[in-house]
Amino acid sequence: MPTAPTPLPSVDSGLHISHVAIGRGVQIYNCSDPSSAPTNVGAQASLFNVTCLASSDMDFVTWMTYAALYYSVPSDSDPNSMINQDLSGHHYFLDPTTPFFNMDTTAHQYGNGAFKKNATSNAPKTQGPMPLPSNQTGSVAWLKLTEKSPGDGQIFQEVYRLNTMGGAAPATCQGQPQSFEVQYAAQYWLFT
């Protein structure tokens, strides 16, 4: 697992890696007035399974994560489409403080869970193997998430968001609509 620029807390004792995915989607921001900073109110992403590849070629997984931002989010309603064969789930927010991972698809039943932020580390100033696209202002932080309601029986206990590419909001709301989205990609490491 990649190490954050300011190291995040370790995986809790007794937990094991269950799933690694590349997330591709948007960070969602709201603006109250032009001089204020945008407020992050959530994210939406499709998650693509790279678990086996992560165990053998992390350099390639890192490259794939950064490259993902240069491509549009794939979508296809046909469950037999090649796009959906490696789709391992979706990430979205139940409310502004509750990230949710739904890892059940028509092809796989991995489980799901609600989380809360445990720790954060600013993304590195230099971006991996390629630069940010010109319409990006930076990358969202790396995170450690923990189960929101321990003991509720959800399969996943911790999630790390690492190797982020893009997704950061501009410094102010000047010129932004009341609500807007910023494209991003990231690795998600899920532990049971």
C-alpha atoms as a PDB file:
ATOM      1  CA  MET A   1       0.000   0.000   0.000  1.00  0.00           C
ATOM      2  CA  PRO A   2       1.412   3.466  -0.856  1.00  0.00           C
ATOM      3  CA  THR A   3       2.635   5.634   2.024  1.00  0.00           C
ATOM      4  CA  ALA A   4       0.999   9.058   2.368  1.00  0.00           C
ATOM      5  CA  PRO A   5       3.178  12.206   2.326  1.00  0.00           C
ATOM      6  CA  THR A   6       2.349  12.688   6.015  1.00  0.00           C
ATOM      7  CA  PRO A   7       1.844   9.056   7.019  1.00  0.00           C
ATOM      8  CA  LEU A   8      -1.717   8.039   7.802  1.00  0.00           C
ATOM      9  CA  PRO A   9      -2.403   5.789  10.820  1.00  0.00           C
ATOM     10  CA  SER A  10      -1.673   2.120  10.217  1.00  0.00           C
ATOM     11  CA  VAL A  11      -4.345  -0.420   9.421  1.00  0.00           C
ATOM     12  CA  ASP A  12      -5.910  -1.610  12.676  1.00  0.00           C
ATOM     13  CA  SER A  13      -4.510  -4.839  14.080  1.00  0.00           C
ATOM     14  CA  GLY A  14      -6.242  -7.952  12.820  1.00  0.00           C
ATOM     15  CA  LEU A  15      -7.562  -6.402   9.595  1.00  0.00           C
ATOM     16  CA  HIS A  16      -6.537  -7.663   6.158  1.00  0.00           C
ATOM     17  CA  ILE A  17      -6.668  -6.221   2.667  1.00  0.00           C
ATOM     18  CA  SER A  18      -9.822  -7.368   0.931  1.00  0.00           C
ATOM     19  CA  HIS A  19     -10.102  -5.218  -2.172  1.00  0.00           C
ATOM     20  CA  VAL A  20      -8.171  -2.588  -4.152  1.00  0.00           C
ATOM     21  CA  ALA A  21      -9.980  -0.402  -6.678  1.00  0.00           C
ATOM     22  CA  ILE A  22      -9.278   2.567  -8.882  1.00  0.00           C
ATOM     23  CA  GLY A  23     -12.020   5.130  -8.383  1.00  0.00           C
ATOM     24  CA  ARG A  24     -12.939   7.497 -11.213  1.00  0.00           C
ATOM     25  CA  GLY A  25     -15.537  10.179 -10.643  1.00  0.00           C
ATOM     26  CA  VAL A  26     -16.170  13.647  -9.252  1.00  0.00           C
ATOM     27  CA  GLN A  27     -15.724  15.597  -6.033  1.00  0.00           C
ATOM     28  CA  ILE A  28     -18.826  17.733  -5.380  1.00  0.00           C
ATOM     29  CA  TYR A  29     -18.584  21.284  -4.017  1.00  0.00           C
ATOM     30  CA  ASN A  30     -21.033  23.990  -2.937  1.00  0.00           C
ATOM     31  CA  CYS A  31     -20.487  27.751  -2.901  1.00  0.00           C
ATOM     32  CA  SER A  32     -22.261  30.249  -0.652  1.00  0.00           C
ATOM     33  CA  ASP A  33     -20.688  33.488  -1.980  1.00  0.00           C
ATOM     34  CA  PRO A  34     -17.896  34.407  -4.445  1.00  0.00           C
ATOM     35  CA  SER A  35     -15.308  35.249  -1.773  1.00  0.00           C
ATOM     36  CA  SER A  36     -15.746  32.055   0.245  1.00  0.00           C
ATOM     37  CA  ALA A  37     -13.875  28.807  -0.265  1.00  0.00           C
ATOM     38  CA  PRO A  38     -15.901  25.995  -1.843  1.00  0.00           C
ATOM     39  CA  THR A  39     -17.255  23.404   0.609  1.00  0.00           C
ATOM     40  CA  ASN A  40     -16.813  19.739  -0.260  1.00  0.00           C
ATOM     41  CA  VAL A  41     -20.200  18.031   0.142  1.00  0.00           C
ATOM     42  CA  GLY A  42     -19.335  14.605  -1.227  1.00  0.00           C
ATOM     43  CA  ALA A  43     -18.138  12.549  -4.149  1.00  0.00           C
ATOM     44  CA  GLN A  44     -19.402  10.041  -6.683  1.00  0.00           C
ATOM     45  CA  ALA A  45     -17.142   7.466  -8.311  1.00  0.00           C
ATOM     46  CA  SER A  46     -17.186   4.180 -10.146  1.00  0.00           C
ATOM     47  CA  LEU A  47     -14.717   1.692  -8.660  1.00  0.00           C
ATOM     48  CA  PHE A  48     -12.745  -0.713 -10.833  1.00  0.00           C
ATOM     49  CA  ASN A  49     -11.107  -3.847  -9.427  1.00  0.00           C
ATOM     50  CA  VAL A  50      -7.293  -3.945  -9.474  1.00  0.00           C
ATOM     51  CA  THR A  51      -6.838  -6.241  -6.456  1.00  0.00           C
ATOM     52  CA  CYS A  52      -4.839  -8.950  -8.244  1.00  0.00           C
ATOM     53  CA  LEU A  53      -2.737  -6.445 -10.163  1.00  0.00           C
ATOM     54  CA  ALA A  54      -1.972  -4.515  -6.947  1.00  0.00           C
ATOM     55  CA  SER A  55      -0.414  -7.637  -5.451  1.00  0.00           C
ATOM     56  CA  SER A  56       2.069  -7.958  -8.305  1.00  0.00           C
ATOM     57  CA  ASP A  57       2.661  -4.589 -10.021  1.00  0.00           C
ATOM     58  CA  MET A  58       1.992  -1.517  -7.871  1.00  0.00           C
ATOM     59  CA  ASP A  59       3.909   0.749 -10.273  1.00  0.00           C
ATOM     60  CA  PHE A  60       1.446  -0.107 -13.038  1.00  0.00           C
ATOM     61  CA  VAL A  61      -1.560   0.359 -10.719  1.00  0.00           C
ATOM     62  CA  THR A  62      -0.207   3.794  -9.776  1.00  0.00           C
ATOM     63  CA  TRP A  63       0.232   4.702 -13.435  1.00  0.00           C
ATOM     64  CA  MET A  64      -3.333   3.473 -14.189  1.00  0.00           C
ATOM     65  CA  THR A  65      -4.716   5.622 -11.349  1.00  0.00           C
ATOM     66  CA  TYR A  66      -3.117   8.788 -12.703  1.00  0.00           C
ATOM     67  CA  ALA A  67      -3.995   7.943 -16.310  1.00  0.00           C
ATOM     68  CA  ALA A  68      -7.659   7.380 -15.374  1.00  0.00           C
ATOM     69  CA  LEU A  69      -8.172  11.133 -14.946  1.00  0.00           C
ATOM     70  CA  TYR A  70      -7.442  11.641 -18.644  1.00  0.00           C
ATOM     71  CA  TYR A  71     -10.403   9.471 -19.656  1.00  0.00           C
ATOM     72  CA  SER A  72     -14.112  10.036 -19.127  1.00  0.00           C
ATOM     73  CA  VAL A  73     -15.953   7.919 -16.582  1.00  0.00           C
ATOM     74  CA  PRO A  74     -17.091   4.823 -18.446  1.00  0.00           C
ATOM     75  CA  SER A  75     -20.763   4.019 -18.353  1.00  0.00           C
ATOM     76  CA  ASP A  76     -22.769   1.252 -19.868  1.00  0.00           C
ATOM     77  CA  SER A  77     -26.150  -0.070 -18.804  1.00  0.00           C
ATOM     78  CA  ASP A  78     -25.467  -3.547 -20.258  1.00  0.00           C
ATOM     79  CA  PRO A  79     -24.297  -5.743 -17.337  1.00  0.00           C
ATOM     80  CA  ASN A  80     -22.441  -7.967 -19.839  1.00  0.00           C
ATOM     81  CA  SER A  81     -20.437  -5.060 -21.242  1.00  0.00           C
ATOM     82  CA  MET A  82     -16.655  -5.276 -20.863  1.00  0.00           C
ATOM     83  CA  ILE A  83     -16.852  -1.954 -18.984  1.00  0.00           C
ATOM     84  CA  ASN A  84     -18.791  -3.665 -16.214  1.00  0.00           C
ATOM     85  CA  GLN A  85     -16.634  -6.798 -15.966  1.00  0.00           C
ATOM     86  CA  ASP A  86     -14.080  -5.049 -13.750  1.00  0.00           C
ATOM     87  CA  LEU A  87     -16.583  -2.707 -12.105  1.00  0.00           C
ATOM     88  CA  SER A  88     -16.414  -3.596  -8.437  1.00  0.00           C
ATOM     89  CA  GLY A  89     -18.800  -0.989  -7.085  1.00  0.00           C
ATOM     90  CA  HIS A  90     -19.652   2.643  -6.487  1.00  0.00           C
ATOM     91  CA  HIS A  91     -18.626   5.273  -3.983  1.00  0.00           C
ATOM     92  CA  TYR A  92     -20.958   8.104  -2.981  1.00  0.00           C
ATOM     93  CA  PHE A  93     -22.047  10.034   0.114  1.00  0.00           C
ATOM     94  CA  LEU A  94     -25.138   9.427   2.249  1.00  0.00           C
ATOM     95  CA  ASP A  95     -24.716  12.939   3.717  1.00  0.00           C
ATOM     96  CA  PRO A  96     -21.797  15.440   3.694  1.00  0.00           C
ATOM     97  CA  THR A  97     -19.878  13.454   6.351  1.00  0.00           C
ATOM     98  CA  THR A  98     -20.724   9.838   5.467  1.00  0.00           C
ATOM     99  CA  PRO A  99     -18.866   8.269   2.544  1.00  0.00           C
ATOM    100  CA  PHE A 100     -20.493   5.022   1.420  1.00  0.00           C
ATOM    101  CA  PHE A 101     -19.036   2.157  -0.594  1.00  0.00           C
ATOM    102  CA  ASN A 102     -21.522  -0.089  -2.389  1.00  0.00           C
ATOM    103  CA  MET A 103     -19.412  -2.990  -3.604  1.00  0.00           C
ATOM    104  CA  ASP A 104     -22.334  -5.083  -4.861  1.00  0.00           C
ATOM    105  CA  THR A 105     -22.850  -5.232  -8.621  1.00  0.00           C
ATOM    106  CA  THR A 106     -24.619  -7.595 -10.995  1.00  0.00           C
ATOM    107  CA  ALA A 107     -21.318  -9.501 -11.332  1.00  0.00           C
ATOM    108  CA  HIS A 108     -20.005  -9.423  -7.725  1.00  0.00           C
ATOM    109  CA  GLN A 109     -21.303  -9.263  -4.170  1.00  0.00           C
ATOM    110  CA  TYR A 110     -18.414  -7.866  -2.096  1.00  0.00           C
ATOM    111  CA  GLY A 111     -20.475  -5.985   0.512  1.00  0.00           C
ATOM    112  CA  ASN A 112     -20.936  -2.335   1.428  1.00  0.00           C
ATOM    113  CA  GLY A 113     -20.498   0.091   4.258  1.00  0.00           C
ATOM    114  CA  ALA A 114     -20.729   3.602   5.671  1.00  0.00           C
ATOM    115  CA  PHE A 115     -17.577   5.333   6.915  1.00  0.00           C
ATOM    116  CA  LYS A 116     -16.253   8.430   8.678  1.00  0.00           C
ATOM    117  CA  LYS A 117     -12.995  10.316   8.222  1.00  0.00           C
ATOM    118  CA  ASN A 118     -10.307   9.152  10.644  1.00  0.00           C
ATOM    119  CA  ALA A 119      -7.200  10.897   9.275  1.00  0.00           C
ATOM    120  CA  THR A 120      -6.048  13.020   6.354  1.00  0.00           C
ATOM    121  CA  SER A 121      -2.777  13.751   4.570  1.00  0.00           C
ATOM    122  CA  ASN A 122      -2.340  16.419   1.899  1.00  0.00           C
ATOM    123  CA  ALA A 123      -1.691  14.969  -1.527  1.00  0.00           C
ATOM    124  CA  PRO A 124       1.902  15.287  -2.734  1.00  0.00           C
ATOM    125  CA  LYS A 125       2.753  18.525  -4.536  1.00  0.00           C
ATOM    126  CA  THR A 126       4.244  16.546  -7.412  1.00  0.00           C
ATOM    127  CA  GLN A 127       1.911  14.168  -9.173  1.00  0.00           C
ATOM    128  CA  GLY A 128       3.239  10.696  -9.936  1.00  0.00           C
ATOM    129  CA  PRO A 129       4.117   9.783 -13.505  1.00  0.00           C
ATOM    130  CA  MET A 130       2.114  12.526 -15.281  1.00  0.00           C
ATOM    131  CA  PRO A 131       1.022  16.129 -14.715  1.00  0.00           C
ATOM    132  CA  LEU A 132      -2.471  17.213 -13.752  1.00  0.00           C
ATOM    133  CA  PRO A 133      -4.682  18.168 -16.688  1.00  0.00           C
ATOM    134  CA  SER A 134      -4.647  21.931 -17.274  1.00  0.00           C
ATOM    135  CA  ASN A 135      -8.204  22.358 -15.922  1.00  0.00           C
ATOM    136  CA  GLN A 136      -7.228  20.948 -12.486  1.00  0.00           C
ATOM    137  CA  THR A 137      -6.022  23.033  -9.512  1.00  0.00           C
ATOM    138  CA  GLY A 138      -4.636  20.182  -7.398  1.00  0.00           C
ATOM    139  CA  SER A 139      -5.418  16.813  -5.886  1.00  0.00           C
ATOM    140  CA  VAL A 140      -7.701  15.941  -2.982  1.00  0.00           C
ATOM    141  CA  ALA A 141      -6.156  14.681   0.247  1.00  0.00           C
ATOM    142  CA  TRP A 142      -5.272  11.096   1.004  1.00  0.00           C
ATOM    143  CA  LEU A 143      -7.569   9.658   3.702  1.00  0.00           C
ATOM    144  CA  LYS A 144      -8.076   6.904   6.205  1.00  0.00           C
ATOM    145  CA  LEU A 145     -11.767   6.122   6.752  1.00  0.00           C
ATOM    146  CA  THR A 146     -13.127   3.933   9.532  1.00  0.00           C
ATOM    147  CA  GLU A 147     -16.453   2.197   9.975  1.00  0.00           C
ATOM    148  CA  LYS A 148     -19.092   4.775  10.949  1.00  0.00           C
ATOM    149  CA  SER A 149     -21.014   2.462  13.282  1.00  0.00           C
ATOM    150  CA  PRO A 150     -18.648  -0.233  14.623  1.00  0.00           C
ATOM    151  CA  GLY A 151     -20.313  -3.518  15.336  1.00  0.00           C
ATOM    152  CA  ASP A 152     -23.122  -3.056  12.819  1.00  0.00           C
ATOM    153  CA  GLY A 153     -21.979  -6.099  10.864  1.00  0.00           C
ATOM    154  CA  GLN A 154     -20.677  -4.414   7.725  1.00  0.00           C
ATOM    155  CA  ILE A 155     -17.922  -6.354   5.968  1.00  0.00           C
ATOM    156  CA  PHE A 156     -15.443  -3.531   5.342  1.00  0.00           C
ATOM    157  CA  GLN A 157     -13.909  -1.917   8.438  1.00  0.00           C
ATOM    158  CA  GLU A 158     -11.409   0.582   6.999  1.00  0.00           C
ATOM    159  CA  VAL A 159     -10.818   2.297   3.665  1.00  0.00           C
ATOM    160  CA  TYR A 160      -7.778   4.249   2.518  1.00  0.00           C
ATOM    161  CA  ARG A 161      -7.986   6.761  -0.347  1.00  0.00           C
ATOM    162  CA  LEU A 162      -4.481   7.051  -1.813  1.00  0.00           C
ATOM    163  CA  ASN A 163      -2.645   8.256  -4.923  1.00  0.00           C
ATOM    164  CA  THR A 164      -5.265  10.887  -5.666  1.00  0.00           C
ATOM    165  CA  MET A 165      -5.198  12.741  -8.971  1.00  0.00           C
ATOM    166  CA  GLY A 166      -7.277  15.915  -9.328  1.00  0.00           C
ATOM    167  CA  GLY A 167     -10.492  16.718  -7.510  1.00  0.00           C
ATOM    168  CA  ALA A 168      -9.320  19.778  -5.554  1.00  0.00           C
ATOM    169  CA  ALA A 169     -11.542  22.854  -5.612  1.00  0.00           C
ATOM    170  CA  PRO A 170     -10.326  26.295  -6.646  1.00  0.00           C
ATOM    171  CA  ALA A 171      -9.295  28.587  -3.759  1.00  0.00           C
ATOM    172  CA  THR A 172     -12.511  30.645  -3.902  1.00  0.00           C
ATOM    173  CA  CYS A 173     -16.007  30.437  -5.335  1.00  0.00           C
ATOM    174  CA  GLN A 174     -15.325  33.387  -7.673  1.00  0.00           C
ATOM    175  CA  GLY A 175     -16.869  32.490 -11.038  1.00  0.00           C
ATOM    176  CA  GLN A 176     -18.260  29.165  -9.797  1.00  0.00           C
ATOM    177  CA  PRO A 177     -21.922  28.113  -9.767  1.00  0.00           C
ATOM    178  CA  GLN A 178     -23.632  27.350  -6.451  1.00  0.00           C
ATOM    179  CA  SER A 179     -22.820  23.666  -6.926  1.00  0.00           C
ATOM    180  CA  PHE A 180     -20.085  22.208  -9.138  1.00  0.00           C
ATOM    181  CA  GLU A 181     -18.048  19.049  -9.688  1.00  0.00           C
ATOM    182  CA  VAL A 182     -14.314  18.471 -10.132  1.00  0.00           C
ATOM    183  CA  GLN A 183     -13.068  15.308 -11.863  1.00  0.00           C
ATOM    184  CA  TYR A 184     -10.758  12.998  -9.904  1.00  0.00           C
ATOM    185  CA  ALA A 185      -9.202   9.549  -9.737  1.00  0.00           C
ATOM    186  CA  ALA A 186      -7.837   7.676  -6.707  1.00  0.00           C
ATOM    187  CA  GLN A 187      -6.928   4.282  -5.334  1.00  0.00           C
ATOM    188  CA  TYR A 188      -9.210   2.811  -2.682  1.00  0.00           C
ATOM    189  CA  TRP A 189      -7.840   0.109  -0.376  1.00  0.00           C
ATOM    190  CA  LEU A 190     -10.613  -1.707   1.552  1.00  0.00           C
ATOM    191  CA  PHE A 191      -9.873  -3.775   4.659  1.00  0.00           C
ATOM    192  CA  THR A 192     -11.926  -6.417   6.478  1.00  0.00           C
END
